[in-house]
C-alpha atoms as a PDB file:
ATOM      1  CA  UNK A   1      84.600 190.991 140.594  1.00  0.00           C
ATOM      2  CA  UNK A   2      87.608 188.824 139.798  1.00  0.00           C
ATOM      3  CA  UNK A   3      88.970 188.747 136.260  1.00  0.00           C
ATOM      4  CA  UNK A   4      90.353 186.313 133.751  1.00  0.00           C
ATOM      5  CA  UNK A   5      94.019 187.294 133.531  1.00  0.00           C
ATOM      6  CA  UNK A   6      95.982 186.324 130.420  1.00  0.00           C
ATOM      7  CA  UNK A   7      99.736 186.565 129.985  1.00  0.00           C
ATOM      8  CA  UNK A   8     101.005 187.562 126.528  1.00  0.00           C
ATOM      9  CA  UNK A   9     104.770 187.163 126.512  1.00  0.00           C
ATOM     10  CA  UNK A  10     105.193 187.234 122.722  1.00  0.00           C
ATOM     11  CA  UNK A  11     102.300 189.209 121.173  1.00  0.00           C
ATOM     12  CA  UNK A  12     102.033 189.872 117.477  1.00  0.00           C
ATOM     13  CA  UNK A  13     100.524 192.024 114.806  1.00  0.00           C
ATOM     14  CA  UNK A  14      98.704 189.608 112.495  1.00  0.00           C
ATOM     15  CA  UNK A  15      98.508 190.624 108.838  1.00  0.00           C
ATOM     16  CA  UNK A  16      96.076 188.334 106.984  1.00  0.00           C
ATOM     17  CA  UNK A  17      96.057 188.134 103.186  1.00  0.00           C
ATOM     18  CA  UNK A  18      93.270 186.392 101.256  1.00  0.00           C
ATOM     19  CA  UNK A  19      94.898 185.010  98.088  1.00  0.00           C
ATOM     20  CA  UNK A  20      92.720 182.948  95.719  1.00  0.00           C
ATOM     21  CA  UNK A  21      94.699 180.117  94.147  1.00  0.00           C
ATOM     22  CA  UNK A  22      97.774 180.830  96.291  1.00  0.00           C
ATOM     23  CA  UNK A  23     100.824 179.052  94.855  1.00  0.00           C
ATOM     24  CA  UNK A  24     104.245 178.983  96.491  1.00  0.00           C
ATOM     25  CA  UNK A  25     107.027 180.117  94.170  1.00  0.00           C
ATOM     26  CA  UNK A  26     104.656 182.061  91.900  1.00  0.00           C
ATOM     27  CA  UNK A  27     103.274 185.585  91.613  1.00  0.00           C
ATOM     28  CA  UNK A  28      99.991 185.798  93.543  1.00  0.00           C
ATOM     29  CA  UNK A  29      97.288 188.458  93.658  1.00  0.00           C
ATOM     30  CA  UNK A  30      95.906 189.534  97.038  1.00  0.00           C
ATOM     31  CA  UNK A  31      92.117 189.847  97.100  1.00  0.00           C
ATOM     32  CA  UNK A  32      91.912 191.457 100.552  1.00  0.00           C
ATOM     33  CA  UNK A  33      94.013 192.189 103.601  1.00  0.00           C
ATOM     34  CA  UNK A  34      93.374 192.991 107.262  1.00  0.00           C
ATOM     35  CA  UNK A  35      95.526 193.695 110.306  1.00  0.00           C
ATOM     36  CA  UNK A  36      94.640 192.553 113.843  1.00  0.00           C
ATOM     37  CA  UNK A  37      96.338 192.390 117.245  1.00  0.00           C
ATOM     38  CA  UNK A  38      97.469 188.816 117.755  1.00  0.00           C
ATOM     39  CA  UNK A  39      99.395 186.260 119.739  1.00  0.00           C
ATOM     40  CA  UNK A  40      97.656 183.689 121.931  1.00  0.00           C
ATOM     41  CA  UNK A  41      97.523 185.682 125.152  1.00  0.00           C
ATOM     42  CA  UNK A  42      95.985 188.690 123.418  1.00  0.00           C
ATOM     43  CA  UNK A  43      93.536 186.600 121.381  1.00  0.00           C
ATOM     44  CA  UNK A  44      92.307 184.795 124.500  1.00  0.00           C
ATOM     45  CA  UNK A  45      91.743 188.117 126.261  1.00  0.00           C
ATOM     46  CA  UNK A  46      89.874 189.574 123.264  1.00  0.00           C
ATOM     47  CA  UNK A  47      87.637 186.505 123.008  1.00  0.00           C
ATOM     48  CA  UNK A  48      86.943 186.413 126.757  1.00  0.00           C
ATOM     49  CA  UNK A  49      85.998 190.100 126.645  1.00  0.00           C
ATOM     50  CA  UNK A  50      83.695 189.448 123.675  1.00  0.00           C
ATOM     51  CA  UNK A  51      82.031 186.631 125.647  1.00  0.00           C
ATOM     52  CA  UNK A  52      81.250 189.077 128.441  1.00  0.00           C
ATOM     53  CA  UNK A  53      83.913 188.133 131.006  1.00  0.00           C
ATOM     54  CA  UNK A  54      85.932 190.685 132.968  1.00  0.00           C
ATOM     55  CA  UNK A  55      89.461 190.303 131.640  1.00  0.00           C
ATOM     56  CA  UNK A  56      92.941 191.800 131.740  1.00  0.00           C
ATOM     57  CA  UNK A  57      96.043 191.013 129.700  1.00  0.00           C
ATOM     58  CA  UNK A  58      99.607 191.431 130.967  1.00  0.00           C
ATOM     59  CA  UNK A  59     102.776 190.990 128.956  1.00  0.00           C
ATOM     60  CA  UNK A  60     105.484 192.581 126.845  1.00  0.00           C
ATOM     61  CA  UNK A  61     105.206 194.880 123.826  1.00  0.00           C
ATOM     62  CA  UNK A  62     107.918 196.172 121.513  1.00  0.00           C
ATOM     63  CA  UNK A  63     107.976 199.928 121.990  1.00  0.00           C
ATOM     64  CA  UNK A  64     108.581 200.729 118.292  1.00  0.00           C
ATOM     65  CA  UNK A  65     105.181 199.556 116.998  1.00  0.00           C
ATOM     66  CA  UNK A  66     103.070 199.146 120.141  1.00  0.00           C
ATOM     67  CA  UNK A  67     100.431 201.719 119.152  1.00  0.00           C
ATOM     68  CA  UNK A  68      98.342 199.433 116.912  1.00  0.00           C
ATOM     69  CA  UNK A  69      97.885 196.788 119.609  1.00  0.00           C
ATOM     70  CA  UNK A  70      97.258 199.318 122.390  1.00  0.00           C
ATOM     71  CA  UNK A  71      94.673 201.201 120.329  1.00  0.00           C
ATOM     72  CA  UNK A  72      92.934 198.008 119.211  1.00  0.00           C
ATOM     73  CA  UNK A  73      92.658 196.641 122.757  1.00  0.00           C
ATOM     74  CA  UNK A  74      91.389 199.971 124.063  1.00  0.00           C
ATOM     75  CA  UNK A  75      88.786 200.063 121.286  1.00  0.00           C
ATOM     76  CA  UNK A  76      87.623 196.560 122.271  1.00  0.00           C
ATOM     77  CA  UNK A  77      87.644 197.605 125.957  1.00  0.00           C
ATOM     78  CA  UNK A  78      90.199 194.937 126.899  1.00  0.00           C
ATOM     79  CA  UNK A  79      92.078 196.026 130.033  1.00  0.00           C
ATOM     80  CA  UNK A  80      95.830 195.762 129.498  1.00  0.00           C
ATOM     81  CA  UNK A  81      99.089 196.422 131.305  1.00  0.00           C
ATOM     82  CA  UNK A  82     102.193 195.860 129.193  1.00  0.00           C
ATOM     83  CA  UNK A  83     105.871 196.286 129.920  1.00  0.00           C
ATOM     84  CA  UNK A  84     107.508 198.073 126.985  1.00  0.00           C
ATOM     85  CA  UNK A  85     110.736 196.536 125.714  1.00  0.00           C
ATOM     86  CA  UNK A  86     113.166 197.804 123.057  1.00  0.00           C
ATOM     87  CA  UNK A  87     112.484 196.738 119.476  1.00  0.00           C
ATOM     88  CA  UNK A  88     109.436 195.775 117.464  1.00  0.00           C
ATOM     89  CA  UNK A  89     106.524 193.493 118.264  1.00  0.00           C
ATOM     90  CA  UNK A  90     106.651 190.725 115.667  1.00  0.00           C
ATOM     91  CA  UNK A  91     104.488 190.854 112.548  1.00  0.00           C
ATOM     92  CA  UNK A  92     102.981 187.502 111.520  1.00  0.00           C
ATOM     93  CA  UNK A  93     101.822 186.951 107.961  1.00  0.00           C
ATOM     94  CA  UNK A  94      98.780 184.691 107.408  1.00  0.00           C
ATOM     95  CA  UNK A  95      97.906 183.656 103.841  1.00  0.00           C
ATOM     96  CA  UNK A  96      94.405 182.256 103.345  1.00  0.00           C
ATOM     97  CA  UNK A  97      93.425 180.424 100.148  1.00  0.00           C
ATOM     98  CA  UNK A  98      89.619 180.870 100.217  1.00  0.00           C
ATOM     99  CA  UNK A  99      88.551 177.985  97.965  1.00  0.00           C
ATOM    100  CA  UNK A 100      90.377 175.264  99.917  1.00  0.00           C
ATOM    101  CA  UNK A 101      90.468 177.075 103.250  1.00  0.00           C
ATOM    102  CA  UNK A 102      94.203 176.331 103.420  1.00  0.00           C
ATOM    103  CA  UNK A 103      96.183 178.573 105.759  1.00  0.00           C
ATOM    104  CA  UNK A 104      99.893 179.354 105.385  1.00  0.00           C
ATOM    105  CA  UNK A 105     101.557 181.120 108.296  1.00  0.00           C
ATOM    106  CA  UNK A 106     104.874 182.994 108.435  1.00  0.00           C
ATOM    107  CA  UNK A 107     105.476 183.850 112.085  1.00  0.00           C
ATOM    108  CA  UNK A 108     108.370 186.029 113.213  1.00  0.00           C
ATOM    109  CA  UNK A 109     110.322 185.295 116.398  1.00  0.00           C
ATOM    110  CA  UNK A 110     109.775 188.571 118.234  1.00  0.00           C
ATOM    111  CA  UNK A 111     111.844 190.970 120.326  1.00  0.00           C
ATOM    112  CA  UNK A 112     114.420 190.069 122.993  1.00  0.00           C
ATOM    113  CA  UNK A 113     113.691 190.575 126.688  1.00  0.00           C
ATOM    114  CA  UNK A 114     116.240 191.341 129.420  1.00  0.00           C
ATOM    115  CA  UNK A 115     116.326 189.334 132.699  1.00  0.00           C
ATOM    116  CA  UNK A 116     115.234 192.321 134.778  1.00  0.00           C
ATOM    117  CA  UNK A 117     112.192 192.761 132.519  1.00  0.00           C
ATOM    118  CA  UNK A 118     111.248 189.110 133.015  1.00  0.00           C
ATOM    119  CA  UNK A 119     111.509 189.565 136.781  1.00  0.00           C
ATOM    120  CA  UNK A 120     109.359 192.699 136.607  1.00  0.00           C
ATOM    121  CA  UNK A 121     106.624 190.888 134.695  1.00  0.00           C
ATOM    122  CA  UNK A 122     106.607 187.953 137.119  1.00  0.00           C
ATOM    123  CA  UNK A 123     106.170 190.419 139.994  1.00  0.00           C
ATOM    124  CA  UNK A 124     103.356 192.150 138.113  1.00  0.00           C
ATOM    125  CA  UNK A 125     101.516 188.868 137.529  1.00  0.00           C
ATOM    126  CA  UNK A 126     101.981 187.908 141.185  1.00  0.00           C
ATOM    127  CA  UNK A 127     100.503 191.246 142.278  1.00  0.00           C
ATOM    128  CA  UNK A 128      97.391 190.614 140.152  1.00  0.00           C
ATOM    129  CA  UNK A 129      96.701 187.094 141.453  1.00  0.00           C
ATOM    130  CA  UNK A 130      94.400 188.204 144.333  1.00  0.00           C
ATOM    131  CA  UNK A 131      92.037 189.738 141.739  1.00  0.00           C
ATOM    132  CA  UNK A 132      92.320 186.821 139.295  1.00  0.00           C
ATOM    133  CA  UNK A 133      89.664 184.124 138.848  1.00  0.00           C
ATOM    134  CA  UNK A 134      91.640 182.153 136.226  1.00  0.00           C
ATOM    135  CA  UNK A 135      95.212 182.701 135.002  1.00  0.00           C
ATOM    136  CA  UNK A 136      95.748 181.872 131.310  1.00  0.00           C
ATOM    137  CA  UNK A 137      99.294 181.262 130.098  1.00  0.00           C
ATOM    138  CA  UNK A 138      99.402 180.959 126.336  1.00  0.00           C
ATOM    139  CA  UNK A 139     101.797 181.241 123.433  1.00  0.00           C
ATOM    140  CA  UNK A 140     105.446 181.169 122.495  1.00  0.00           C
ATOM    141  CA  UNK A 141     108.343 182.833 124.301  1.00  0.00           C
ATOM    142  CA  UNK A 142     110.482 185.653 122.935  1.00  0.00           C
ATOM    143  CA  UNK A 143     114.268 185.567 123.177  1.00  0.00           C
ATOM    144  CA  UNK A 144     115.520 186.112 126.713  1.00  0.00           C
ATOM    145  CA  UNK A 145     112.497 184.605 128.473  1.00  0.00           C
ATOM    146  CA  UNK A 146     113.499 181.330 130.180  1.00  0.00           C
ATOM    147  CA  UNK A 147     111.687 178.118 129.298  1.00  0.00           C
ATOM    148  CA  UNK A 148     110.760 177.792 132.988  1.00  0.00           C
ATOM    149  CA  UNK A 149     108.551 180.916 132.991  1.00  0.00           C
ATOM    150  CA  UNK A 150     105.212 179.105 132.725  1.00  0.00           C
ATOM    151  CA  UNK A 151     106.223 176.587 135.404  1.00  0.00           C
ATOM    152  CA  UNK A 152     107.138 179.429 137.759  1.00  0.00           C
ATOM    153  CA  UNK A 153     103.907 181.364 137.132  1.00  0.00           C
ATOM    154  CA  UNK A 154     101.789 178.233 137.638  1.00  0.00           C
ATOM    155  CA  UNK A 155     103.557 177.610 140.950  1.00  0.00           C
ATOM    156  CA  UNK A 156     102.787 181.168 142.083  1.00  0.00           C
ATOM    157  CA  UNK A 157      99.148 180.800 141.048  1.00  0.00           C
ATOM    158  CA  UNK A 158      98.819 177.473 142.845  1.00  0.00           C
ATOM    159  CA  UNK A 159     100.158 179.057 146.052  1.00  0.00           C
ATOM    160  CA  UNK A 160      97.512 181.777 145.674  1.00  0.00           C
ATOM    161  CA  UNK A 161      94.730 179.261 145.006  1.00  0.00           C
ATOM    162  CA  UNK A 162      94.175 180.489 141.435  1.00  0.00           C
ATOM    163  CA  UNK A 163      93.360 177.904 138.714  1.00  0.00           C
ATOM    164  CA  UNK A 164      95.520 177.990 135.596  1.00  0.00           C
ATOM    165  CA  UNK A 165      95.096 177.188 131.913  1.00  0.00           C
ATOM    166  CA  UNK A 166      98.214 176.439 129.864  1.00  0.00           C
ATOM    167  CA  UNK A 167      98.265 176.548 126.058  1.00  0.00           C
ATOM    168  CA  UNK A 168     101.839 176.267 124.847  1.00  0.00           C
ATOM    169  CA  UNK A 169     104.065 174.048 122.734  1.00  0.00           C
ATOM    170  CA  UNK A 170     107.420 172.321 123.062  1.00  0.00           C
ATOM    171  CA  UNK A 171     109.737 172.701 126.026  1.00  0.00           C
ATOM    172  CA  UNK A 172     107.799 175.482 127.833  1.00  0.00           C
ATOM    173  CA  UNK A 173     104.817 173.121 127.956  1.00  0.00           C
ATOM    174  CA  UNK A 174     106.853 170.074 128.991  1.00  0.00           C
ATOM    175  CA  UNK A 175     108.630 171.937 131.770  1.00  0.00           C
ATOM    176  CA  UNK A 176     105.413 173.513 133.062  1.00  0.00           C
ATOM    177  CA  UNK A 177     103.519 170.218 133.380  1.00  0.00           C
ATOM    178  CA  UNK A 178     105.398 169.374 136.578  1.00  0.00           C
ATOM    179  CA  UNK A 179     103.883 172.452 138.249  1.00  0.00           C
ATOM    180  CA  UNK A 180     100.438 170.821 137.794  1.00  0.00           C
ATOM    181  CA  UNK A 181      98.400 173.355 135.807  1.00  0.00           C
ATOM    182  CA  UNK A 182      94.662 173.037 136.268  1.00  0.00           C
ATOM    183  CA  UNK A 183      94.016 172.564 132.542  1.00  0.00           C
ATOM    184  CA  UNK A 184      96.113 172.227 129.400  1.00  0.00           C
ATOM    185  CA  UNK A 185      94.838 172.591 125.826  1.00  0.00           C
ATOM    186  CA  UNK A 186      97.147 171.168 123.175  1.00  0.00           C
ATOM    187  CA  UNK A 187      95.879 170.844 119.633  1.00  0.00           C
ATOM    188  CA  UNK A 188      96.385 167.563 117.804  1.00  0.00           C
ATOM    189  CA  UNK A 189      99.862 168.443 116.466  1.00  0.00           C
ATOM    190  CA  UNK A 190     101.027 169.624 119.885  1.00  0.00           C
ATOM    191  CA  UNK A 191      99.600 166.526 121.559  1.00  0.00           C
ATOM    192  CA  UNK A 192     101.431 164.334 119.047  1.00  0.00           C
ATOM    193  CA  UNK A 193     104.706 166.024 119.978  1.00  0.00           C
ATOM    194  CA  UNK A 194     103.990 165.583 123.686  1.00  0.00           C
ATOM    195  CA  UNK A 195     103.224 161.845 123.493  1.00  0.00           C
ATOM    196  CA  UNK A 196     105.599 161.058 120.629  1.00  0.00           C
ATOM    197  CA  UNK A 197     103.179 159.352 118.227  1.00  0.00           C
ATOM    198  CA  UNK A 198     100.620 160.047 115.539  1.00  0.00           C
ATOM    199  CA  UNK A 199      97.058 160.579 116.758  1.00  0.00           C
ATOM    200  CA  UNK A 200      94.290 159.794 114.288  1.00  0.00           C
ATOM    201  CA  UNK A 201      90.689 160.170 115.378  1.00  0.00           C
ATOM    202  CA  UNK A 202      88.871 160.879 118.642  1.00  0.00           C
ATOM    203  CA  UNK A 203      89.762 157.563 120.325  1.00  0.00           C
ATOM    204  CA  UNK A 204      93.492 158.145 119.855  1.00  0.00           C
ATOM    205  CA  UNK A 205      93.223 161.734 121.059  1.00  0.00           C
ATOM    206  CA  UNK A 206      91.283 160.764 124.188  1.00  0.00           C
ATOM    207  CA  UNK A 207      93.818 158.033 124.916  1.00  0.00           C
ATOM    208  CA  UNK A 208      96.655 160.562 124.559  1.00  0.00           C
ATOM    209  CA  UNK A 209      94.824 163.006 126.835  1.00  0.00           C
ATOM    210  CA  UNK A 210      94.521 160.287 129.486  1.00  0.00           C
ATOM    211  CA  UNK A 211      98.267 159.687 129.166  1.00  0.00           C
ATOM    212  CA  UNK A 212      98.993 163.399 129.604  1.00  0.00           C
ATOM    213  CA  UNK A 213      97.047 163.463 132.873  1.00  0.00           C
ATOM    214  CA  UNK A 214      99.892 161.485 134.426  1.00  0.00           C
ATOM    215  CA  UNK A 215     102.257 164.384 133.694  1.00  0.00           C
ATOM    216  CA  UNK A 216     100.470 166.676 136.166  1.00  0.00           C
ATOM    217  CA  UNK A 217      97.416 168.578 134.848  1.00  0.00           C
ATOM    218  CA  UNK A 218      93.976 167.991 136.335  1.00  0.00           C
ATOM    219  CA  UNK A 219      92.158 168.446 133.003  1.00  0.00           C
ATOM    220  CA  UNK A 220      93.353 167.870 129.442  1.00  0.00           C
ATOM    221  CA  UNK A 221      91.479 169.317 126.465  1.00  0.00           C
ATOM    222  CA  UNK A 222      92.723 168.187 123.050  1.00  0.00           C
ATOM    223  CA  UNK A 223      91.386 170.039 120.010  1.00  0.00           C
ATOM    224  CA  UNK A 224      91.281 168.713 116.462  1.00  0.00           C
ATOM    225  CA  UNK A 225      89.696 171.414 114.325  1.00  0.00           C
ATOM    226  CA  UNK A 226      86.547 170.416 112.475  1.00  0.00           C
ATOM    227  CA  UNK A 227      86.729 166.910 113.998  1.00  0.00           C
ATOM    228  CA  UNK A 228      85.982 168.324 117.432  1.00  0.00           C
ATOM    229  CA  UNK A 229      87.656 168.279 120.830  1.00  0.00           C
ATOM    230  CA  UNK A 230      88.010 165.975 123.806  1.00  0.00           C
ATOM    231  CA  UNK A 231      88.106 166.748 127.525  1.00  0.00           C
ATOM    232  CA  UNK A 232      89.548 164.222 129.965  1.00  0.00           C
ATOM    233  CA  UNK A 233      89.989 164.078 133.736  1.00  0.00           C
ATOM    234  CA  UNK A 234      90.803 161.175 136.029  1.00  0.00           C
ATOM    235  CA  UNK A 235      87.050 160.617 136.510  1.00  0.00           C
ATOM    236  CA  UNK A 236      85.432 161.408 133.140  1.00  0.00           C
ATOM    237  CA  UNK A 237      85.949 161.996 129.439  1.00  0.00           C
ATOM    238  CA  UNK A 238      83.841 163.861 126.865  1.00  0.00           C
ATOM    239  CA  UNK A 239      84.012 164.470 123.117  1.00  0.00           C
ATOM    240  CA  UNK A 240      82.445 167.520 121.447  1.00  0.00           C
ATOM    241  CA  UNK A 241      81.574 167.577 117.746  1.00  0.00           C
ATOM    242  CA  UNK A 242      80.976 171.024 116.214  1.00  0.00           C
ATOM    243  CA  UNK A 243      78.525 171.753 113.409  1.00  0.00           C
ATOM    244  CA  UNK A 244      79.904 171.870 109.889  1.00  0.00           C
ATOM    245  CA  UNK A 245      80.856 175.374 108.758  1.00  0.00           C
ATOM    246  CA  UNK A 246      82.499 177.150 105.870  1.00  0.00           C
ATOM    247  CA  UNK A 247      85.660 178.471 107.548  1.00  0.00           C
ATOM    248  CA  UNK A 248      86.912 182.003 107.084  1.00  0.00           C
ATOM    249  CA  UNK A 249      90.258 181.886 108.914  1.00  0.00           C
ATOM    250  CA  UNK A 250      91.010 179.355 111.629  1.00  0.00           C
ATOM    251  CA  UNK A 251      93.575 181.709 113.209  1.00  0.00           C
ATOM    252  CA  UNK A 252      92.457 182.352 116.778  1.00  0.00           C
ATOM    253  CA  UNK A 253      89.903 179.523 116.914  1.00  0.00           C
ATOM    254  CA  UNK A 254      91.963 177.613 119.479  1.00  0.00           C
ATOM    255  CA  UNK A 255      92.438 180.803 121.490  1.00  0.00           C
ATOM    256  CA  UNK A 256      88.673 181.327 121.550  1.00  0.00           C
ATOM    257  CA  UNK A 257      88.339 177.772 122.859  1.00  0.00           C
ATOM    258  CA  UNK A 258      90.691 178.673 125.692  1.00  0.00           C
ATOM    259  CA  UNK A 259      88.634 181.800 126.406  1.00  0.00           C
ATOM    260  CA  UNK A 260      85.496 179.641 126.610  1.00  0.00           C
ATOM    261  CA  UNK A 261      87.225 177.243 128.985  1.00  0.00           C
ATOM    262  CA  UNK A 262      88.401 180.113 131.188  1.00  0.00           C
ATOM    263  CA  UNK A 263      84.907 181.566 131.275  1.00  0.00           C
ATOM    264  CA  UNK A 264      83.476 178.165 132.172  1.00  0.00           C
ATOM    265  CA  UNK A 265      86.012 177.595 134.967  1.00  0.00           C
ATOM    266  CA  UNK A 266      85.410 181.036 136.435  1.00  0.00           C
ATOM    267  CA  UNK A 267      81.637 180.524 136.239  1.00  0.00           C
ATOM    268  CA  UNK A 268      81.544 177.042 137.738  1.00  0.00           C
ATOM    269  CA  UNK A 269      80.104 175.205 134.724  1.00  0.00           C
ATOM    270  CA  UNK A 270      80.300 171.417 134.549  1.00  0.00           C
ATOM    271  CA  UNK A 271      83.156 170.025 132.493  1.00  0.00           C
ATOM    272  CA  UNK A 272      80.809 168.806 129.775  1.00  0.00           C
ATOM    273  CA  UNK A 273      79.247 172.244 129.438  1.00  0.00           C
ATOM    274  CA  UNK A 274      82.698 173.853 129.569  1.00  0.00           C
ATOM    275  CA  UNK A 275      83.698 171.749 126.565  1.00  0.00           C
ATOM    276  CA  UNK A 276      80.486 172.665 124.757  1.00  0.00           C
ATOM    277  CA  UNK A 277      81.052 176.392 125.333  1.00  0.00           C
ATOM    278  CA  UNK A 278      84.705 176.174 124.276  1.00  0.00           C
ATOM    279  CA  UNK A 279      83.819 174.284 121.095  1.00  0.00           C
ATOM    280  CA  UNK A 280      81.099 176.786 120.212  1.00  0.00           C
ATOM    281  CA  UNK A 281      83.521 179.678 120.754  1.00  0.00           C
ATOM    282  CA  UNK A 282      86.171 178.087 118.543  1.00  0.00           C
ATOM    283  CA  UNK A 283      83.609 177.329 115.824  1.00  0.00           C
ATOM    284  CA  UNK A 284      82.177 180.851 115.863  1.00  0.00           C
ATOM    285  CA  UNK A 285      85.681 182.317 115.497  1.00  0.00           C
ATOM    286  CA  UNK A 286      86.662 179.921 112.682  1.00  0.00           C
ATOM    287  CA  UNK A 287      83.855 181.408 110.571  1.00  0.00           C
ATOM    288  CA  UNK A 288      85.492 184.846 110.604  1.00  0.00           C
ATOM    289  CA  UNK A 289      88.229 186.395 108.475  1.00  0.00           C
ATOM    290  CA  UNK A 290      91.639 187.377 109.799  1.00  0.00           C
ATOM    291  CA  UNK A 291      92.229 187.209 113.536  1.00  0.00           C
ATOM    292  CA  UNK A 292      88.758 188.343 114.480  1.00  0.00           C
ATOM    293  CA  UNK A 293      87.219 186.722 117.547  1.00  0.00           C
ATOM    294  CA  UNK A 294      83.732 185.438 118.237  1.00  0.00           C
ATOM    295  CA  UNK A 295      80.844 187.448 119.619  1.00  0.00           C
ATOM    296  CA  UNK A 296      78.603 186.243 122.425  1.00  0.00           C
ATOM    297  CA  UNK A 297      75.587 186.180 120.114  1.00  0.00           C
ATOM    298  CA  UNK A 298      77.435 184.031 117.574  1.00  0.00           C
ATOM    299  CA  UNK A 299      78.542 181.599 120.280  1.00  0.00           C
ATOM    300  CA  UNK A 300      75.024 181.341 121.691  1.00  0.00           C
ATOM    301  CA  UNK A 301      73.757 180.515 118.195  1.00  0.00           C
ATOM    302  CA  UNK A 302      76.279 177.687 117.794  1.00  0.00           C
ATOM    303  CA  UNK A 303      75.904 176.210 121.300  1.00  0.00           C
ATOM    304  CA  UNK A 304      72.779 174.081 120.611  1.00  0.00           C
ATOM    305  CA  UNK A 305      74.460 172.628 117.509  1.00  0.00           C
ATOM    306  CA  UNK A 306      77.480 171.241 119.397  1.00  0.00           C
ATOM    307  CA  UNK A 307      77.041 167.539 120.157  1.00  0.00           C
ATOM    308  CA  UNK A 308      78.566 166.239 123.392  1.00  0.00           C
ATOM    309  CA  UNK A 309      79.136 162.533 124.060  1.00  0.00           C
ATOM    310  CA  UNK A 310      80.642 160.909 127.120  1.00  0.00           C
ATOM    311  CA  UNK A 311      83.578 158.657 126.287  1.00  0.00           C
ATOM    312  CA  UNK A 312      83.637 155.542 128.415  1.00  0.00           C
ATOM    313  CA  UNK A 313      86.332 152.924 128.790  1.00  0.00           C
ATOM    314  CA  UNK A 314      85.760 149.779 126.768  1.00  0.00           C
ATOM    315  CA  UNK A 315      82.790 147.789 128.033  1.00  0.00           C
ATOM    316  CA  UNK A 316      81.005 150.819 129.524  1.00  0.00           C
ATOM    317  CA  UNK A 317      78.074 152.715 128.113  1.00  0.00           C
ATOM    318  CA  UNK A 318      78.140 156.368 127.014  1.00  0.00           C
ATOM    319  CA  UNK A 319      75.946 159.428 127.351  1.00  0.00           C
ATOM    320  CA  UNK A 320      75.130 161.906 124.593  1.00  0.00           C
ATOM    321  CA  UNK A 321      73.849 165.464 125.097  1.00  0.00           C
END
């Protein structure tokens, strides 16, 4: 059976603090704390595994503090194959104010990677493509990894006939678009940076997604937290509205969406149902504390509550499901 393969170039150890009444510049009391493996590529793999998909994660780990991530992934039965590099895997601090749900993030930059280590990882990903159903490229780049890395990996996957999902920000995303990834998933802030304007509301986000199609991807999914998410191709457009929830920590919700999309692509679901599954996965994760990921049971419970509506061009009718 082929797997969902994720690439985690800049993983993290996420330390989440729950701080009631958090105030910058003041002394604050921590109500609770938890530590989870993190970084987009790892979170996507953990969520895909929790949803029942065969999955593997490839990437780099700092050799000094790799044990926590390796032990956590083994405990969750997530197959992994990391290249160890000198230094420490970054530690990201997440501060959650529980009354408002406000999240403050302090993310470190990560270790540095040598050119020969980059080449070794590219070869390792290429070797795994024959057993890969969907290749997920997600997250930031550590020092030493060229901004062209995602473009190059997408090109290799395309040659092998493997669909790709890209979830990145800034120049790595812009450069990679020319390689024509199968699907990209910017959030609203990332989409605003890509199109160079403010995006308020579903109509503006769908319009921006249609614009981004011209840059190369076949499918654009734009997420906007509690407001929902849109999926656009050259032939169709859909908007998903999640049920209202009391959020725990939204860290990892977007990564769970990507896991749902990867599962849907590998399982041949329609695009509308792919968006529904992704939205349910993101919603189920947003209910949890720290960088926990959804369970299949939780996603199945949310699925019927996600409303899907087809978005037509002006003058056309729509379809709701």
